[in-house]
Amino acid sequence: MTQQQVAQAREATHHWVMTVQWPSGAGGFGVTTVASPAIFPPGTSRADAYRQIFEYVTDYVRTHTGQQSVSPTVLFFTLERNEI
């Protein structure tokens, strides 16, 4: 991790993990898990955070697979405060 990434992770209010699955062009399925610290302003609902994260992960999958019409299914999701 770079110093900047460490600083951003420390400032993050939350940490999330999302696992998604999508049909691949070869008749199978692709699966990936994406995780990141995040900063959500006070008053952000869990539903709003979920939608933002899902959009981010969908864009991630589309970019890395080249399948622009993919619509992933969420297999796992967690959003927690970023403190121990």
C-alpha atoms as a PDB file:
ATOM      1  CA  MET A   1       0.000   0.000   0.000  1.00  0.00           C
ATOM      2  CA  THR A   2       1.178   3.488  -0.761  1.00  0.00           C
ATOM      3  CA  GLN A   3       1.261   6.155   1.928  1.00  0.00           C
ATOM      4  CA  GLN A   4      -1.716   7.843   0.251  1.00  0.00           C
ATOM      5  CA  GLN A   5      -3.741   4.600   0.301  1.00  0.00           C
ATOM      6  CA  VAL A   6      -2.930   4.099   3.984  1.00  0.00           C
ATOM      7  CA  ALA A   7      -4.050   7.661   4.780  1.00  0.00           C
ATOM      8  CA  GLN A   8      -7.295   7.220   2.815  1.00  0.00           C
ATOM      9  CA  ALA A   9      -8.031   3.930   4.582  1.00  0.00           C
ATOM     10  CA  ARG A  10      -7.530   5.589   7.968  1.00  0.00           C
ATOM     11  CA  GLU A  11      -9.925   8.428   7.045  1.00  0.00           C
ATOM     12  CA  ALA A  12     -12.598   6.052   5.751  1.00  0.00           C
ATOM     13  CA  THR A  13     -15.789   5.873   7.776  1.00  0.00           C
ATOM     14  CA  HIS A  14     -16.699   2.390   6.517  1.00  0.00           C
ATOM     15  CA  HIS A  15     -15.293  -0.716   4.875  1.00  0.00           C
ATOM     16  CA  TRP A  16     -17.316  -2.834   2.445  1.00  0.00           C
ATOM     17  CA  VAL A  17     -17.029  -6.173   0.658  1.00  0.00           C
ATOM     18  CA  MET A  18     -19.228  -7.304  -2.245  1.00  0.00           C
ATOM     19  CA  THR A  19     -19.119 -10.595  -4.142  1.00  0.00           C
ATOM     20  CA  VAL A  20     -20.961 -10.761  -7.459  1.00  0.00           C
ATOM     21  CA  GLN A  21     -21.642 -13.348 -10.151  1.00  0.00           C
ATOM     22  CA  TRP A  22     -22.550 -12.807 -13.802  1.00  0.00           C
ATOM     23  CA  PRO A  23     -23.114 -14.974 -16.874  1.00  0.00           C
ATOM     24  CA  SER A  24     -20.025 -15.182 -19.066  1.00  0.00           C
ATOM     25  CA  GLY A  25     -20.058 -15.406 -22.824  1.00  0.00           C
ATOM     26  CA  ALA A  26     -18.816 -18.999 -22.720  1.00  0.00           C
ATOM     27  CA  GLY A  27     -21.947 -20.350 -21.012  1.00  0.00           C
ATOM     28  CA  GLY A  28     -20.399 -20.287 -17.551  1.00  0.00           C
ATOM     29  CA  PHE A  29     -20.289 -17.706 -14.827  1.00  0.00           C
ATOM     30  CA  GLY A  30     -17.773 -15.159 -13.642  1.00  0.00           C
ATOM     31  CA  VAL A  31     -17.399 -14.404  -9.945  1.00  0.00           C
ATOM     32  CA  THR A  32     -15.387 -11.711  -8.213  1.00  0.00           C
ATOM     33  CA  THR A  33     -15.100 -10.083  -4.820  1.00  0.00           C
ATOM     34  CA  VAL A  34     -14.321  -6.384  -4.495  1.00  0.00           C
ATOM     35  CA  ALA A  35     -13.542  -4.632  -1.202  1.00  0.00           C
ATOM     36  CA  SER A  36     -12.622  -1.092  -0.265  1.00  0.00           C
ATOM     37  CA  PRO A  37     -12.631   1.483   2.494  1.00  0.00           C
ATOM     38  CA  ALA A  38     -15.174   4.240   1.861  1.00  0.00           C
ATOM     39  CA  ILE A  39     -16.192   7.632   3.131  1.00  0.00           C
ATOM     40  CA  PHE A  40     -19.933   8.175   3.499  1.00  0.00           C
ATOM     41  CA  PRO A  41     -21.189  11.516   4.765  1.00  0.00           C
ATOM     42  CA  PRO A  42     -23.373  11.578   7.867  1.00  0.00           C
ATOM     43  CA  GLY A  43     -26.980  10.810   7.023  1.00  0.00           C
ATOM     44  CA  THR A  44     -26.178   8.411   4.177  1.00  0.00           C
ATOM     45  CA  SER A  45     -28.591   5.484   4.360  1.00  0.00           C
ATOM     46  CA  ARG A  46     -27.422   1.897   4.106  1.00  0.00           C
ATOM     47  CA  ALA A  47     -29.605   1.542   0.974  1.00  0.00           C
ATOM     48  CA  ASP A  48     -27.918   4.545  -0.674  1.00  0.00           C
ATOM     49  CA  ALA A  49     -24.482   3.170   0.192  1.00  0.00           C
ATOM     50  CA  TYR A  50     -25.468  -0.235  -1.242  1.00  0.00           C
ATOM     51  CA  ARG A  51     -26.619   1.351  -4.518  1.00  0.00           C
ATOM     52  CA  GLN A  52     -23.401   3.356  -4.835  1.00  0.00           C
ATOM     53  CA  ILE A  53     -21.281   0.289  -4.137  1.00  0.00           C
ATOM     54  CA  PHE A  54     -23.299  -1.903  -6.532  1.00  0.00           C
ATOM     55  CA  GLU A  55     -22.871   0.676  -9.308  1.00  0.00           C
ATOM     56  CA  TYR A  56     -19.133   0.809  -8.625  1.00  0.00           C
ATOM     57  CA  VAL A  57     -18.792  -2.987  -8.688  1.00  0.00           C
ATOM     58  CA  THR A  58     -20.928  -3.260 -11.847  1.00  0.00           C
ATOM     59  CA  ASP A  59     -18.660  -0.722 -13.595  1.00  0.00           C
ATOM     60  CA  TYR A  60     -15.629  -2.651 -12.316  1.00  0.00           C
ATOM     61  CA  VAL A  61     -16.942  -5.931 -13.755  1.00  0.00           C
ATOM     62  CA  ARG A  62     -17.850  -4.322 -17.099  1.00  0.00           C
ATOM     63  CA  THR A  63     -14.431  -2.698 -17.386  1.00  0.00           C
ATOM     64  CA  HIS A  64     -12.473  -5.839 -16.501  1.00  0.00           C
ATOM     65  CA  THR A  65     -14.541  -8.291 -18.559  1.00  0.00           C
ATOM     66  CA  GLY A  66     -15.340  -6.139 -21.571  1.00  0.00           C
ATOM     67  CA  GLN A  67     -18.992  -7.214 -21.235  1.00  0.00           C
ATOM     68  CA  GLN A  68     -20.748  -3.846 -21.260  1.00  0.00           C
ATOM     69  CA  SER A  69     -24.242  -5.298 -20.862  1.00  0.00           C
ATOM     70  CA  VAL A  70     -23.446  -7.521 -17.860  1.00  0.00           C
ATOM     71  CA  SER A  71     -25.808  -7.241 -14.907  1.00  0.00           C
ATOM     72  CA  PRO A  72     -24.237  -8.984 -11.906  1.00  0.00           C
ATOM     73  CA  THR A  73     -26.073 -10.745  -9.116  1.00  0.00           C
ATOM     74  CA  VAL A  74     -24.900 -10.005  -5.574  1.00  0.00           C
ATOM     75  CA  LEU A  75     -23.873 -13.144  -3.681  1.00  0.00           C
ATOM     76  CA  PHE A  76     -22.472 -11.435  -0.588  1.00  0.00           C
ATOM     77  CA  PHE A  77     -22.437  -7.908   0.827  1.00  0.00           C
ATOM     78  CA  THR A  78     -21.219  -6.381   4.054  1.00  0.00           C
ATOM     79  CA  LEU A  79     -20.802  -2.766   5.102  1.00  0.00           C
ATOM     80  CA  GLU A  80     -19.229  -2.047   8.470  1.00  0.00           C
ATOM     81  CA  ARG A  81     -17.852   0.913  10.372  1.00  0.00           C
ATOM     82  CA  ASN A  82     -14.133   1.215   9.687  1.00  0.00           C
ATOM     83  CA  GLU A  83     -12.952   0.833  13.242  1.00  0.00           C
ATOM     84  CA  ILE A  84     -11.947  -2.063  15.445  1.00  0.00           C
END
